[in-house]
Amino acid sequence: RQAPGKEREFVAAISWSGDDKHYADSVKDRFTI
């Protein structure tokens, strides 16, 4: 994601199988990929 005036930042990633996921601390427990 990229907010106005800010650099683009990582939010979440998922492996090809969907078994592995990784979240930014700012969205952990609120967002699901």
Full PDB file with SEQRES, HELIX, SHEET, SSBOND, CRYST1, ORIGX, SCALE, CONECT and MASTER records, all heavy atoms in Angstrom:
SEQRES   1 A   33  ARG GLN ALA PRO GLY LYS GLU ARG GLU PHE VAL ALA ALA          
SEQRES   2 A   33  ILE SER TRP SER GLY ASP ASP LYS HIS TYR ALA ASP SER          
SEQRES   3 A   33  VAL LYS ASP ARG PHE THR ILE                                  
SHEET    1 AA1 2 ALA A  12  ILE A  14  0                                        
SHEET    2 AA1 2 LYS A  21  TYR A  23 -1                                        
CRYST1    1.000    1.000    1.000  90.00  90.00  90.00 P 1           1          
ORIGX1      1.000000  0.000000  0.000000        0.00000                         
ORIGX2      0.000000  1.000000  0.000000        0.00000                         
ORIGX3      0.000000  0.000000  1.000000        0.00000                         
SCALE1      1.000000  0.000000  0.000000        0.00000                         
SCALE2      0.000000  1.000000  0.000000        0.00000                         
SCALE3      0.000000  0.000000  1.000000        0.00000                         
ATOM      1  N   ARG A   1       0.838  -1.198   0.000  1.00  0.00           N  
ATOM      2  CA  ARG A   1       0.000   0.000   0.000  1.00  0.00           C  
ATOM      3  C   ARG A   1       0.871   1.246   0.000  1.00  0.00           C  
ATOM      4  O   ARG A   1       2.027   1.217   0.440  1.00  0.00           O  
ATOM      5  CB  ARG A   1      -0.949   0.010   1.202  1.00  0.00           C  
ATOM      6  CG  ARG A   1      -0.259   0.154   2.558  1.00  0.00           C  
ATOM      7  CD  ARG A   1      -1.275   0.006   3.676  1.00  0.00           C  
ATOM      8  NE  ARG A   1      -0.656   0.167   4.997  1.00  0.00           N  
ATOM      9  CZ  ARG A   1      -1.290  -0.028   6.140  1.00  0.00           C  
ATOM     10  NH1 ARG A   1      -2.572  -0.405   6.146  1.00  0.00           N  
ATOM     11  NH2 ARG A   1      -0.661   0.157   7.291  1.00  0.00           N  
ATOM     12  N   GLN A   2       0.285   2.329  -0.484  1.00  0.00           N  
ATOM     13  CA  GLN A   2       0.994   3.601  -0.513  1.00  0.00           C  
ATOM     14  C   GLN A   2       0.037   4.711  -0.130  1.00  0.00           C  
ATOM     15  O   GLN A   2      -0.960   4.948  -0.828  1.00  0.00           O  
ATOM     16  CB  GLN A   2       1.600   3.866  -1.890  1.00  0.00           C  
ATOM     17  CG  GLN A   2       2.487   5.096  -1.911  1.00  0.00           C  
ATOM     18  CD  GLN A   2       3.318   5.168  -3.180  1.00  0.00           C  
ATOM     19  OE1 GLN A   2       3.003   4.566  -4.185  1.00  0.00           O  
ATOM     20  NE2 GLN A   2       4.421   5.909  -3.118  1.00  0.00           N  
ATOM     21  N   ALA A   3       0.348   5.367   0.967  1.00  0.00           N  
ATOM     22  CA  ALA A   3      -0.441   6.508   1.427  1.00  0.00           C  
ATOM     23  C   ALA A   3       0.123   7.781   0.809  1.00  0.00           C  
ATOM     24  O   ALA A   3       1.298   7.826   0.420  1.00  0.00           O  
ATOM     25  CB  ALA A   3      -0.400   6.583   2.948  1.00  0.00           C  
ATOM     26  N   PRO A   4      -0.679   8.835   0.723  1.00  0.00           N  
ATOM     27  CA  PRO A   4      -0.201  10.093   0.128  1.00  0.00           C  
ATOM     28  C   PRO A   4       1.043  10.602   0.839  1.00  0.00           C  
ATOM     29  O   PRO A   4       1.088  10.673   2.069  1.00  0.00           O  
ATOM     30  CB  PRO A   4      -1.386  11.041   0.333  1.00  0.00           C  
ATOM     31  CG  PRO A   4      -2.573  10.149   0.411  1.00  0.00           C  
ATOM     32  CD  PRO A   4      -2.100   8.906   1.088  1.00  0.00           C  
ATOM     33  N   GLY A   5       2.060  10.924   0.058  1.00  0.00           N  
ATOM     34  CA  GLY A   5       3.278  11.478   0.615  1.00  0.00           C  
ATOM     35  C   GLY A   5       4.191  10.467   1.277  1.00  0.00           C  
ATOM     36  O   GLY A   5       5.212  10.845   1.863  1.00  0.00           O  
ATOM     37  N   LYS A   6       3.835   9.193   1.190  1.00  0.00           N  
ATOM     38  CA  LYS A   6       4.652   8.155   1.823  1.00  0.00           C  
ATOM     39  C   LYS A   6       5.122   7.143   0.791  1.00  0.00           C  
ATOM     40  O   LYS A   6       4.564   7.040  -0.300  1.00  0.00           O  
ATOM     41  CB  LYS A   6       3.851   7.454   2.920  1.00  0.00           C  
ATOM     42  CG  LYS A   6       3.484   8.345   4.091  1.00  0.00           C  
ATOM     43  CD  LYS A   6       2.853   7.553   5.205  1.00  0.00           C  
ATOM     44  CE  LYS A   6       2.551   8.427   6.408  1.00  0.00           C  
ATOM     45  NZ  LYS A   6       1.952   7.640   7.527  1.00  0.00           N  
ATOM     46  N   GLU A   7       6.143   6.382   1.158  1.00  0.00           N  
ATOM     47  CA  GLU A   7       6.629   5.343   0.277  1.00  0.00           C  
ATOM     48  C   GLU A   7       5.700   4.132   0.330  1.00  0.00           C  
ATOM     49  O   GLU A   7       4.975   3.925   1.299  1.00  0.00           O  
ATOM     50  CB  GLU A   7       8.045   4.932   0.694  1.00  0.00           C  
ATOM     51  CG  GLU A   7       9.082   6.013   0.483  1.00  0.00           C  
ATOM     52  CD  GLU A   7      10.494   5.526   0.737  1.00  0.00           C  
ATOM     53  OE1 GLU A   7      10.644   4.386   1.227  1.00  0.00           O  
ATOM     54  OE2 GLU A   7      11.442   6.275   0.444  1.00  0.00           O  
ATOM     55  N   ARG A   8       5.761   3.352  -0.724  1.00  0.00           N  
ATOM     56  CA  ARG A   8       4.976   2.133  -0.756  1.00  0.00           C  
ATOM     57  C   ARG A   8       5.496   1.182   0.317  1.00  0.00           C  
ATOM     58  O   ARG A   8       6.706   1.025   0.479  1.00  0.00           O  
ATOM     59  CB  ARG A   8       5.063   1.500  -2.151  1.00  0.00           C  
ATOM     60  CG  ARG A   8       4.157   0.317  -2.358  1.00  0.00           C  
ATOM     61  CD  ARG A   8       3.945   0.036  -3.825  1.00  0.00           C  
ATOM     62  NE  ARG A   8       5.188  -0.138  -4.568  1.00  0.00           N  
ATOM     63  CZ  ARG A   8       5.256  -0.201  -5.890  1.00  0.00           C  
ATOM     64  NH1 ARG A   8       4.148  -0.115  -6.600  1.00  0.00           N  
ATOM     65  NH2 ARG A   8       6.410  -0.379  -6.486  1.00  0.00           N  
ATOM     66  N   GLU A   9       4.574   0.520   1.022  1.00  0.00           N  
ATOM     67  CA  GLU A   9       4.979  -0.361   2.102  1.00  0.00           C  
ATOM     68  C   GLU A   9       4.316  -1.726   1.987  1.00  0.00           C  
ATOM     69  O   GLU A   9       3.202  -1.866   1.466  1.00  0.00           O  
ATOM     70  CB  GLU A   9       4.640   0.254   3.465  1.00  0.00           C  
ATOM     71  CG  GLU A   9       3.172   0.425   3.744  1.00  0.00           C  
ATOM     72  CD  GLU A   9       2.906   0.890   5.176  1.00  0.00           C  
ATOM     73  OE1 GLU A   9       3.857   1.083   5.955  1.00  0.00           O  
ATOM     74  OE2 GLU A   9       1.710   1.038   5.516  1.00  0.00           O  
ATOM     75  N   PHE A  10       5.013  -2.709   2.495  1.00  0.00           N  
ATOM     76  CA  PHE A  10       4.531  -4.084   2.499  1.00  0.00           C  
ATOM     77  C   PHE A  10       3.359  -4.235   3.452  1.00  0.00           C  
ATOM     78  O   PHE A  10       3.349  -3.662   4.544  1.00  0.00           O  
ATOM     79  CB  PHE A  10       5.675  -5.005   2.921  1.00  0.00           C  
ATOM     80  CG  PHE A  10       5.271  -6.416   3.203  1.00  0.00           C  
ATOM     81  CD1 PHE A  10       5.058  -7.303   2.159  1.00  0.00           C  
ATOM     82  CD2 PHE A  10       5.093  -6.856   4.505  1.00  0.00           C  
ATOM     83  CE1 PHE A  10       4.687  -8.607   2.412  1.00  0.00           C  
ATOM     84  CE2 PHE A  10       4.727  -8.161   4.770  1.00  0.00           C  
ATOM     85  CZ  PHE A  10       4.521  -9.038   3.727  1.00  0.00           C  
ATOM     86  N   VAL A  11       2.370  -5.024   3.037  1.00  0.00           N  
ATOM     87  CA  VAL A  11       1.220  -5.303   3.889  1.00  0.00           C  
ATOM     88  C   VAL A  11       1.161  -6.794   4.251  1.00  0.00           C  
ATOM     89  O   VAL A  11       1.117  -7.154   5.419  1.00  0.00           O  
ATOM     90  CB  VAL A  11      -0.093  -4.896   3.192  1.00  0.00           C  
ATOM     91  CG1 VAL A  11      -1.299  -5.304   4.029  1.00  0.00           C  
ATOM     92  CG2 VAL A  11      -0.120  -3.397   2.922  1.00  0.00           C  
ATOM     93  N   ALA A  12       1.159  -7.645   3.218  1.00  0.00           N  
ATOM     94  CA  ALA A  12       1.034  -9.079   3.467  1.00  0.00           C  
ATOM     95  C   ALA A  12       1.530  -9.862   2.264  1.00  0.00           C  
ATOM     96  O   ALA A  12       1.478  -9.354   1.135  1.00  0.00           O  
ATOM     97  CB  ALA A  12      -0.412  -9.456   3.768  1.00  0.00           C  
ATOM     98  N   ALA A  13       1.987 -11.090   2.502  1.00  0.00           N  
ATOM     99  CA  ALA A  13       2.424 -11.968   1.423  1.00  0.00           C  
ATOM    100  C   ALA A  13       1.947 -13.382   1.707  1.00  0.00           C  
ATOM    101  O   ALA A  13       1.739 -13.755   2.866  1.00  0.00           O  
ATOM    102  CB  ALA A  13       3.938 -11.941   1.274  1.00  0.00           C  
ATOM    103  N   ILE A  14       1.797 -14.152   0.632  1.00  0.00           N  
ATOM    104  CA  ILE A  14       1.318 -15.527   0.762  1.00  0.00           C  
ATOM    105  C   ILE A  14       2.092 -16.412  -0.192  1.00  0.00           C  
ATOM    106  O   ILE A  14       2.389 -16.018  -1.317  1.00  0.00           O  
ATOM    107  CB  ILE A  14      -0.212 -15.586   0.496  1.00  0.00           C  
ATOM    108  CG1 ILE A  14      -0.773 -16.970   0.802  1.00  0.00           C  
ATOM    109  CG2 ILE A  14      -0.540 -15.144  -0.923  1.00  0.00           C  
ATOM    110  CD1 ILE A  14      -2.306 -16.990   0.824  1.00  0.00           C  
ATOM    111  N   SER A  15       2.419 -17.614   0.263  1.00  0.00           N  
ATOM    112  CA  SER A  15       3.147 -18.560  -0.577  1.00  0.00           C  
ATOM    113  C   SER A  15       2.231 -19.123  -1.649  1.00  0.00           C  
ATOM    114  O   SER A  15       1.008 -18.968  -1.603  1.00  0.00           O  
ATOM    115  CB  SER A  15       3.700 -19.691   0.294  1.00  0.00           C  
ATOM    116  OG  SER A  15       2.628 -20.420   0.889  1.00  0.00           O  
ATOM    117  N   TRP A  16       2.814 -19.833  -2.604  1.00  0.00           N  
ATOM    118  CA  TRP A  16       2.040 -20.342  -3.720  1.00  0.00           C  
ATOM    119  C   TRP A  16       0.952 -21.294  -3.261  1.00  0.00           C  
ATOM    120  O   TRP A  16      -0.127 -21.344  -3.852  1.00  0.00           O  
ATOM    121  CB  TRP A  16       2.955 -21.046  -4.726  1.00  0.00           C  
ATOM    122  CG  TRP A  16       3.502 -22.350  -4.242  1.00  0.00           C  
ATOM    123  CD1 TRP A  16       4.670 -22.551  -3.545  1.00  0.00           C  
ATOM    124  CD2 TRP A  16       2.902 -23.646  -4.386  1.00  0.00           C  
ATOM    125  NE1 TRP A  16       4.817 -23.868  -3.244  1.00  0.00           N  
ATOM    126  CE2 TRP A  16       3.756 -24.564  -3.754  1.00  0.00           C  
ATOM    127  CE3 TRP A  16       1.730 -24.111  -4.986  1.00  0.00           C  
ATOM    128  CZ2 TRP A  16       3.474 -25.915  -3.711  1.00  0.00           C  
ATOM    129  CZ3 TRP A  16       1.441 -25.456  -4.949  1.00  0.00           C  
ATOM    130  CH2 TRP A  16       2.309 -26.346  -4.319  1.00  0.00           C  
ATOM    131  N   SER A  17       1.219 -22.044  -2.193  1.00  0.00           N  
ATOM    132  CA  SER A  17       0.245 -23.018  -1.710  1.00  0.00           C  
ATOM    133  C   SER A  17      -0.785 -22.398  -0.773  1.00  0.00           C  
ATOM    134  O   SER A  17      -1.825 -22.996  -0.511  1.00  0.00           O  
ATOM    135  CB  SER A  17       0.968 -24.139  -0.970  1.00  0.00           C  
ATOM    136  OG  SER A  17       1.568 -23.636   0.208  1.00  0.00           O  
ATOM    137  N   GLY A  18      -0.463 -21.227  -0.255  1.00  0.00           N  
ATOM    138  CA  GLY A  18      -1.336 -20.606   0.736  1.00  0.00           C  
ATOM    139  C   GLY A  18      -1.022 -21.029   2.155  1.00  0.00           C  
ATOM    140  O   GLY A  18      -1.632 -20.528   3.101  1.00  0.00           O  
ATOM    141  N   ASP A  19      -0.070 -21.923   2.320  1.00  0.00           N  
ATOM    142  CA  ASP A  19       0.243 -22.436   3.648  1.00  0.00           C  
ATOM    143  C   ASP A  19       1.044 -21.442   4.482  1.00  0.00           C  
ATOM    144  O   ASP A  19       0.966 -21.456   5.712  1.00  0.00           O  
ATOM    145  CB  ASP A  19       1.026 -23.743   3.542  1.00  0.00           C  
ATOM    146  CG  ASP A  19       0.173 -24.885   3.014  1.00  0.00           C  
ATOM    147  OD1 ASP A  19      -1.065 -24.783   3.106  1.00  0.00           O  
ATOM    148  OD2 ASP A  19       0.744 -25.862   2.497  1.00  0.00           O  
ATOM    149  N   ASP A  20       1.843 -20.633   3.816  1.00  0.00           N  
ATOM    150  CA  ASP A  20       2.682 -19.669   4.531  1.00  0.00           C  
ATOM    151  C   ASP A  20       2.211 -18.258   4.248  1.00  0.00           C  
ATOM    152  O   ASP A  20       1.955 -17.900   3.093  1.00  0.00           O  
ATOM    153  CB  ASP A  20       4.144 -19.818   4.106  1.00  0.00           C  
ATOM    154  CG  ASP A  20       4.712 -21.169   4.510  1.00  0.00           C  
ATOM    155  OD1 ASP A  20       4.460 -21.593   5.649  1.00  0.00           O  
ATOM    156  OD2 ASP A  20       5.391 -21.792   3.674  1.00  0.00           O  
ATOM    157  N   LYS A  21       2.110 -17.459   5.309  1.00  0.00           N  
ATOM    158  CA  LYS A  21       1.679 -16.072   5.187  1.00  0.00           C  
ATOM    159  C   LYS A  21       2.561 -15.208   6.079  1.00  0.00           C  
ATOM    160  O   LYS A  21       3.079 -15.666   7.101  1.00  0.00           O  
ATOM    161  CB  LYS A  21       0.211 -15.925   5.608  1.00  0.00           C  
ATOM    162  CG  LYS A  21      -0.744 -16.804   4.811  1.00  0.00           C  
ATOM    163  CD  LYS A  21      -2.156 -16.716   5.334  1.00  0.00           C  
ATOM    164  CE  LYS A  21      -3.069 -17.683   4.579  1.00  0.00           C  
ATOM    165  NZ  LYS A  21      -4.472 -17.607   5.077  1.00  0.00           N  
ATOM    166  N   HIS A  22       2.711 -13.982   5.675  1.00  0.00           N  
ATOM    167  CA  HIS A  22       3.518 -13.036   6.456  1.00  0.00           C  
ATOM    168  C   HIS A  22       2.838 -11.675   6.399  1.00  0.00           C  
ATOM    169  O   HIS A  22       2.352 -11.265   5.339  1.00  0.00           O  
ATOM    170  CB  HIS A  22       4.927 -12.947   5.890  1.00  0.00           C  
ATOM    171  CG  HIS A  22       5.812 -12.014   6.639  1.00  0.00           C  
ATOM    172  ND1 HIS A  22       6.098 -12.171   7.978  1.00  0.00           N  
ATOM    173  CD2 HIS A  22       6.468 -10.890   6.243  1.00  0.00           C  
ATOM    174  CE1 HIS A  22       6.890 -11.195   8.373  1.00  0.00           C  
ATOM    175  NE2 HIS A  22       7.131 -10.410   7.337  1.00  0.00           N  
ATOM    176  N   TYR A  23       2.777 -11.005   7.550  1.00  0.00           N  
ATOM    177  CA  TYR A  23       2.083  -9.730   7.634  1.00  0.00           C  
ATOM    178  C   TYR A  23       2.990  -8.649   8.217  1.00  0.00           C  
ATOM    179  O   TYR A  23       3.857  -8.933   9.046  1.00  0.00           O  
ATOM    180  CB  TYR A  23       0.853  -9.851   8.531  1.00  0.00           C  
ATOM    181  CG  TYR A  23      -0.192 -10.819   8.030  1.00  0.00           C  
ATOM    182  CD1 TYR A  23      -0.198 -12.144   8.441  1.00  0.00           C  
ATOM    183  CD2 TYR A  23      -1.169 -10.399   7.136  1.00  0.00           C  
ATOM    184  CE1 TYR A  23      -1.157 -13.039   7.978  1.00  0.00           C  
ATOM    185  CE2 TYR A  23      -2.139 -11.283   6.670  1.00  0.00           C  
ATOM    186  CZ  TYR A  23      -2.118 -12.601   7.090  1.00  0.00           C  
ATOM    187  OH  TYR A  23      -3.067 -13.482   6.623  1.00  0.00           O  
ATOM    188  N   ALA A  24       2.737  -7.425   7.801  1.00  0.00           N  
ATOM    189  CA  ALA A  24       3.368  -6.297   8.469  1.00  0.00           C  
ATOM    190  C   ALA A  24       2.798  -6.198   9.884  1.00  0.00           C  
ATOM    191  O   ALA A  24       1.626  -6.523  10.117  1.00  0.00           O  
ATOM    192  CB  ALA A  24       3.092  -5.015   7.696  1.00  0.00           C  
ATOM    193  N   ASP A  25       3.613  -5.750  10.817  1.00  0.00           N  
ATOM    194  CA  ASP A  25       3.155  -5.649  12.201  1.00  0.00           C  
ATOM    195  C   ASP A  25       1.917  -4.757  12.331  1.00  0.00           C  
ATOM    196  O   ASP A  25       1.046  -4.997  13.169  1.00  0.00           O  
ATOM    197  CB  ASP A  25       4.278  -5.097  13.086  1.00  0.00           C  
ATOM    198  CG  ASP A  25       5.395  -6.102  13.302  1.00  0.00           C  
ATOM    199  OD1 ASP A  25       5.165  -7.314  13.073  1.00  0.00           O  
ATOM    200  OD2 ASP A  25       6.492  -5.681  13.697  1.00  0.00           O  
ATOM    201  N   SER A  26       1.838  -3.746  11.498  1.00  0.00           N  
ATOM    202  CA  SER A  26       0.741  -2.771  11.589  1.00  0.00           C  
ATOM    203  C   SER A  26      -0.619  -3.363  11.230  1.00  0.00           C  
ATOM    204  O   SER A  26      -1.653  -2.776  11.574  1.00  0.00           O  
ATOM    205  CB  SER A  26       1.033  -1.573  10.690  1.00  0.00           C  
ATOM    206  OG  SER A  26       1.190  -1.988   9.346  1.00  0.00           O  
ATOM    207  N   VAL A  27      -0.629  -4.498  10.531  1.00  0.00           N  
ATOM    208  CA  VAL A  27      -1.915  -5.081  10.109  1.00  0.00           C  
ATOM    209  C   VAL A  27      -2.154  -6.465  10.686  1.00  0.00           C  
ATOM    210  O   VAL A  27      -3.226  -7.041  10.487  1.00  0.00           O  
ATOM    211  CB  VAL A  27      -2.026  -5.150   8.570  1.00  0.00           C  
ATOM    212  CG1 VAL A  27      -1.760  -3.783   7.956  1.00  0.00           C  
ATOM    213  CG2 VAL A  27      -1.080  -6.200   7.987  1.00  0.00           C  
ATOM    214  N   LYS A  28      -1.174  -6.976  11.392  1.00  0.00           N  
ATOM    215  CA  LYS A  28      -1.285  -8.326  11.955  1.00  0.00           C  
ATOM    216  C   LYS A  28      -2.509  -8.411  12.858  1.00  0.00           C  
ATOM    217  O   LYS A  28      -2.797  -7.488  13.618  1.00  0.00           O  
ATOM    218  CB  LYS A  28      -0.019  -8.657  12.727  1.00  0.00           C  
ATOM    219  CG  LYS A  28       0.236 -10.135  12.932  1.00  0.00           C  
ATOM    220  CD  LYS A  28       1.623 -10.350  13.525  1.00  0.00           C  
ATOM    221  CE  LYS A  28       2.713  -9.943  12.565  1.00  0.00           C  
ATOM    222  NZ  LYS A  28       4.067 -10.219  13.091  1.00  0.00           N  
ATOM    223  N   ASP A  29      -3.226  -9.495  12.761  1.00  0.00           N  
ATOM    224  CA  ASP A  29      -4.441  -9.768  13.543  1.00  0.00           C  
ATOM    225  C   ASP A  29      -5.654  -8.966  13.064  1.00  0.00           C  
ATOM    226  O   ASP A  29      -6.747  -9.126  13.616  1.00  0.00           O  
ATOM    227  CB  ASP A  29      -4.222  -9.498  15.044  1.00  0.00           C  
ATOM    228  CG  ASP A  29      -3.138 -10.382  15.641  1.00  0.00           C  
ATOM    229  OD1 ASP A  29      -3.022 -11.541  15.211  1.00  0.00           O  
ATOM    230  OD2 ASP A  29      -2.417  -9.894  16.530  1.00  0.00           O  
ATOM    231  N   ARG A  30      -5.482  -8.128  12.065  1.00  0.00           N  
ATOM    232  CA  ARG A  30      -6.619  -7.395  11.499  1.00  0.00           C  
ATOM    233  C   ARG A  30      -6.857  -7.771  10.040  1.00  0.00           C  
ATOM    234  O   ARG A  30      -8.006  -7.790   9.582  1.00  0.00           O  
ATOM    235  CB  ARG A  30      -6.395  -5.877  11.602  1.00  0.00           C  
ATOM    236  CG  ARG A  30      -6.253  -5.361  13.008  1.00  0.00           C  
ATOM    237  CD  ARG A  30      -6.251  -3.833  13.035  1.00  0.00           C  
ATOM    238  NE  ARG A  30      -5.129  -3.263  12.289  1.00  0.00           N  
ATOM    239  CZ  ARG A  30      -5.272  -2.406  11.270  1.00  0.00           C  
ATOM    240  NH1 ARG A  30      -6.466  -2.036  10.884  1.00  0.00           N  
ATOM    241  NH2 ARG A  30      -4.196  -1.910  10.674  1.00  0.00           N  
ATOM    242  N   PHE A  31      -5.790  -8.037   9.303  1.00  0.00           N  
ATOM    243  CA  PHE A  31      -5.882  -8.352   7.878  1.00  0.00           C  
ATOM    244  C   PHE A  31      -5.572  -9.835   7.664  1.00  0.00           C  
ATOM    245  O   PHE A  31      -4.764 -10.429   8.381  1.00  0.00           O  
ATOM    246  CB  PHE A  31      -4.880  -7.526   7.072  1.00  0.00           C  
ATOM    247  CG  PHE A  31      -5.181  -6.057   6.985  1.00  0.00           C  
ATOM    248  CD1 PHE A  31      -6.155  -5.448   7.764  1.00  0.00           C  
ATOM    249  CD2 PHE A  31      -4.453  -5.255   6.108  1.00  0.00           C  
ATOM    250  CE1 PHE A  31      -6.417  -4.090   7.675  1.00  0.00           C  
ATOM    251  CE2 PHE A  31      -4.699  -3.897   6.002  1.00  0.00           C  
ATOM    252  CZ  PHE A  31      -5.674  -3.312   6.792  1.00  0.00           C  
ATOM    253  N   THR A  32      -6.196 -10.397   6.631  1.00  0.00           N  
ATOM    254  CA  THR A  32      -5.942 -11.785   6.256  1.00  0.00           C  
ATOM    255  C   THR A  32      -5.772 -11.884   4.750  1.00  0.00           C  
ATOM    256  O   THR A  32      -6.654 -11.469   4.000  1.00  0.00           O  
ATOM    257  CB  THR A  32      -7.084 -12.704   6.697  1.00  0.00           C  
ATOM    258  OG1 THR A  32      -7.263 -12.602   8.124  1.00  0.00           O  
ATOM    259  CG2 THR A  32      -6.770 -14.155   6.341  1.00  0.00           C  
ATOM    260  N   ILE A  33      -4.652 -12.446   4.334  1.00  0.00           N  
ATOM    261  CA  ILE A  33      -4.402 -12.669   2.909  1.00  0.00           C  
ATOM    262  C   ILE A  33      -4.760 -14.112   2.583  1.00  0.00           C  
ATOM    263  O   ILE A  33      -4.541 -15.026   3.392  1.00  0.00           O  
ATOM    264  CB  ILE A  33      -2.933 -12.363   2.545  1.00  0.00           C  
ATOM    265  CG1 ILE A  33      -2.734 -12.393   1.024  1.00  0.00           C  
ATOM    266  CG2 ILE A  33      -1.964 -13.295   3.260  1.00  0.00           C  
ATOM    267  CD1 ILE A  33      -1.355 -11.888   0.590  1.00  0.00           C  
TER     268      ILE A  33                                                      
MASTER        0    0    0    0    2    0    0    6  267    1    0    3          
END                                                                             
